[in-house]
C-alpha cells in the first residue's frame, strides 16, 4: 500500500491529543483532573460567598484564578505543542510518501528517506483523524487519514494489527 500526504499543523495537534488519550487511564486522568479543578474553583467561590471578608478574598481569589489559569494551560498544551513542533520541524513540511507492506515501511519526505522493519514499531494508535506509529513511548510517526483513499484506512489498520504487537 502506498500513501501520499502532506502534514499540517492540525495533524500535529490531532496527534498530540491522540497521544495524550492513547490509554484508558490517560483519558480518564485528564477528566479527573478537570473535575478536581472545577471542584476547587467551586469551593473557593462558595467560601467567598459564605464568608465574605478581606482575608477570604485575599486567599480564595488568587487560588481560584491560579487553578483556572493552570487548567487553561493544560487544556491548550497539546494545541500549542503540536503547532510549535510543526513549525520547527523541517522534515514535516512538503509531500510525504509511505510504502507499507508486510516487510515494513519505506518513508520518504522532501529531505529524507527511511526504511523500517515492523520490529522498529512498538505500538500504534488510531484516532478519528490520524494513525500514530510508535518507535518509542514518546516518539511516533503521524499518518493523517484525511488524504487517504477509500479503503486505505481499513487496509492500514489491518496491516498494523498484523505487524505491530502492542507491548
Protein backbone atom coordinates (compact mmCIF):
# COMPACT_ATOMS: atom_id res chain seq x y z
CA UNK A 1 0.00 0.00 0.00
CA UNK A 2 1.31 3.45 -0.86
CA UNK A 3 0.17 6.59 0.92
CA UNK A 4 0.96 10.13 -0.16
CA UNK A 5 0.17 13.00 2.17
CA UNK A 6 1.16 16.46 3.30
CA UNK A 7 1.32 17.03 7.03
CA UNK A 8 -0.28 20.13 8.53
CA UNK A 9 -0.13 21.85 11.90
CA UNK A 10 -3.62 20.44 12.54
CA UNK A 11 -2.26 16.89 12.05
CA UNK A 12 0.37 17.59 14.70
CA UNK A 13 -2.27 18.97 17.09
CA UNK A 14 -4.53 15.95 16.47
CA UNK A 15 -1.52 13.69 17.07
CA UNK A 16 -0.85 15.37 20.42
CA UNK A 17 -4.45 14.78 21.51
CA UNK A 18 -4.35 11.17 20.26
CA UNK A 19 -1.07 10.60 22.12
CA UNK A 20 -2.50 12.12 25.31
CA UNK A 21 -5.64 9.96 25.07
CA UNK A 22 -3.99 6.73 23.94
CA UNK A 23 -4.88 4.65 27.00
CA UNK A 24 -7.96 4.29 29.17
CA UNK A 25 -6.06 5.61 32.19
CA UNK A 26 -4.71 8.69 30.41
CA UNK A 27 -8.15 9.54 29.00
CA UNK A 28 -9.73 9.42 32.44
CA UNK A 29 -6.82 11.08 34.26
CA UNK A 30 -7.42 14.27 32.26
CA UNK A 31 -11.13 14.15 33.01
CA UNK A 32 -10.48 13.56 36.71
CA UNK A 33 -8.03 16.47 36.80
CA UNK A 34 -10.60 18.73 35.13
CA UNK A 35 -13.21 17.67 37.69
CA UNK A 36 -10.78 18.47 40.53
CA UNK A 37 -10.07 21.90 39.08
CA UNK A 38 -13.78 22.65 38.78
CA UNK A 39 -14.32 21.45 42.34
CA UNK A 40 -11.51 23.65 43.70
CA UNK A 41 -12.82 26.72 41.87
CA UNK A 42 -16.40 25.99 43.01
CA UNK A 43 -15.29 25.57 46.64
CA UNK A 44 -13.31 28.81 46.52
CA UNK A 45 -16.30 30.71 45.15
CA UNK A 46 -18.55 29.10 47.77
CA UNK A 47 -16.07 30.06 50.51
CA UNK A 48 -16.08 33.68 49.37
CA UNK A 49 -19.89 33.74 49.25
CA UNK A 50 -20.34 32.13 52.67
CA UNK A 51 -17.56 34.00 54.49
CA UNK A 52 -17.11 37.36 52.73
CA UNK A 53 -14.11 39.00 54.34
CA UNK A 54 -10.89 40.60 53.19
CA UNK A 55 -8.90 37.58 54.35
CA UNK A 56 -11.13 35.12 52.46
CA UNK A 57 -10.86 37.23 49.31
CA UNK A 58 -7.08 37.54 49.70
CA UNK A 59 -6.65 33.76 49.82
CA UNK A 60 -9.51 32.37 47.73
CA UNK A 61 -9.43 34.60 44.66
CA UNK A 62 -5.74 34.03 43.82
CA UNK A 63 -6.15 30.28 44.36
CA UNK A 64 -9.23 30.13 42.12
CA UNK A 65 -7.60 32.27 39.42
CA UNK A 66 -4.34 30.30 39.57
CA UNK A 67 -6.16 26.99 39.35
CA UNK A 68 -8.22 28.23 36.41
CA UNK A 69 -5.12 29.53 34.62
CA UNK A 70 -3.34 26.22 35.15
CA UNK A 71 -6.34 24.33 33.76
CA UNK A 72 -6.43 26.53 30.66
CA UNK A 73 -2.72 25.92 30.05
CA UNK A 74 -3.14 22.15 30.38
CA UNK A 75 -6.13 22.17 28.04
CA UNK A 76 -4.26 24.22 25.43
CA UNK A 77 -0.91 22.45 25.81
CA UNK A 78 -1.48 19.84 23.05
CA UNK A 79 -2.53 22.61 20.63
CA UNK A 80 0.46 24.79 21.48
CA UNK A 81 2.86 21.85 21.40
CA UNK A 82 1.59 20.45 18.09
CA UNK A 83 1.66 23.83 16.36
CA UNK A 84 5.14 24.60 17.66
CA UNK A 85 6.51 21.18 16.66
CA UNK A 86 5.14 21.52 13.15
CA UNK A 87 6.65 24.99 12.67
CA UNK A 88 10.09 23.95 13.97
CA UNK A 89 10.40 20.63 12.15
CA UNK A 90 11.64 20.98 8.55
CA UNK A 91 11.02 17.28 7.84
CA UNK A 92 7.30 17.78 8.49
CA UNK A 93 6.79 20.09 5.54
CA UNK A 94 6.19 19.03 1.96
CA UNK A 95 4.80 15.88 0.39
CA UNK A 96 5.42 12.59 2.21
CA UNK A 97 5.18 9.11 0.79
CA UNK A 98 4.92 5.93 2.82
CA UNK A 99 5.04 2.48 1.26
CA UNK A 100 3.79 -0.11 3.71
CA UNK A 101 3.71 -3.87 3.29
CA UNK A 102 4.26 -6.96 5.42
CA UNK A 103 8.05 -6.38 5.29
CA UNK A 104 7.91 -2.90 6.81
CA UNK A 105 7.70 0.78 5.96
CA UNK A 106 9.61 2.86 3.44
CA UNK A 107 9.06 6.54 4.24
CA UNK A 108 10.14 9.42 2.05
CA UNK A 109 9.95 13.16 2.72
CA UNK A 110 11.44 16.09 0.79
CA UNK A 111 14.62 15.89 2.90
CA UNK A 112 14.98 12.24 3.96
CA UNK A 113 14.27 8.60 3.20
CA UNK A 114 13.98 5.82 5.77
CA UNK A 115 13.28 2.12 5.74
CA UNK A 116 11.89 0.44 8.86
CA UNK A 117 11.11 -3.18 9.57
CA UNK A 118 7.97 -3.72 11.65
CA UNK A 119 10.19 -4.67 14.62
CA UNK A 120 11.05 -0.96 14.89
CA UNK A 121 7.50 -0.13 15.95
CA UNK A 122 6.37 -0.90 19.49
CA UNK A 123 2.75 0.25 19.28
CA UNK A 124 0.21 2.16 17.24
CA UNK A 125 -2.84 4.29 17.97
CA UNK A 126 -5.75 5.29 15.80
CA UNK A 127 -7.86 8.40 16.39
CA UNK A 128 -10.62 9.93 14.27
CA UNK A 129 -8.08 11.84 12.16
CA UNK A 130 -4.64 10.21 12.44
CA UNK A 131 -2.69 6.99 12.92
CA UNK A 132 0.34 7.16 15.22
CA UNK A 133 3.04 4.51 14.79
CA UNK A 134 5.27 4.47 17.89
CA UNK A 135 9.03 3.86 17.71
CA UNK A 136 9.35 4.56 21.43
CA UNK A 137 6.84 5.52 24.13
CA UNK A 138 7.03 9.20 23.13
CA UNK A 139 8.23 9.13 19.53
CA UNK A 140 5.79 8.39 16.75
CA UNK A 141 5.18 8.78 13.04
CA UNK A 142 1.99 10.64 12.11
CA UNK A 143 -0.12 9.33 9.24
CA UNK A 144 -3.16 11.55 8.61
CA UNK A 145 -6.40 9.93 7.48
CA UNK A 146 -7.74 12.96 5.62
CA UNK A 147 -5.81 12.27 2.42
CA UNK A 148 -6.38 8.51 2.35
CA UNK A 149 -8.36 6.94 -0.45
CA UNK A 150 -11.43 4.79 0.16
CA UNK A 151 -10.40 1.53 1.80
CA UNK A 152 -6.93 2.75 2.80
CA UNK A 153 -7.94 3.35 6.42
CA UNK A 154 -9.13 -0.22 6.97
CA UNK A 155 -6.20 -1.63 4.97
CA UNK A 156 -3.70 0.31 7.09
CA UNK A 157 -5.48 -0.74 10.31
CA UNK A 158 -5.27 -4.38 9.19
CA UNK A 159 -1.59 -4.05 8.30
CA UNK A 160 -0.81 -2.52 11.70
CA UNK A 161 -2.83 -5.16 13.55
CA UNK A 162 -0.90 -7.93 11.78
CA UNK A 163 2.57 -6.48 12.11
CA UNK A 164 2.81 -4.26 15.18
CA UNK A 165 2.48 -6.01 18.51
CA UNK A 166 1.12 -3.93 21.36
CA UNK A 167 3.83 -4.00 24.02
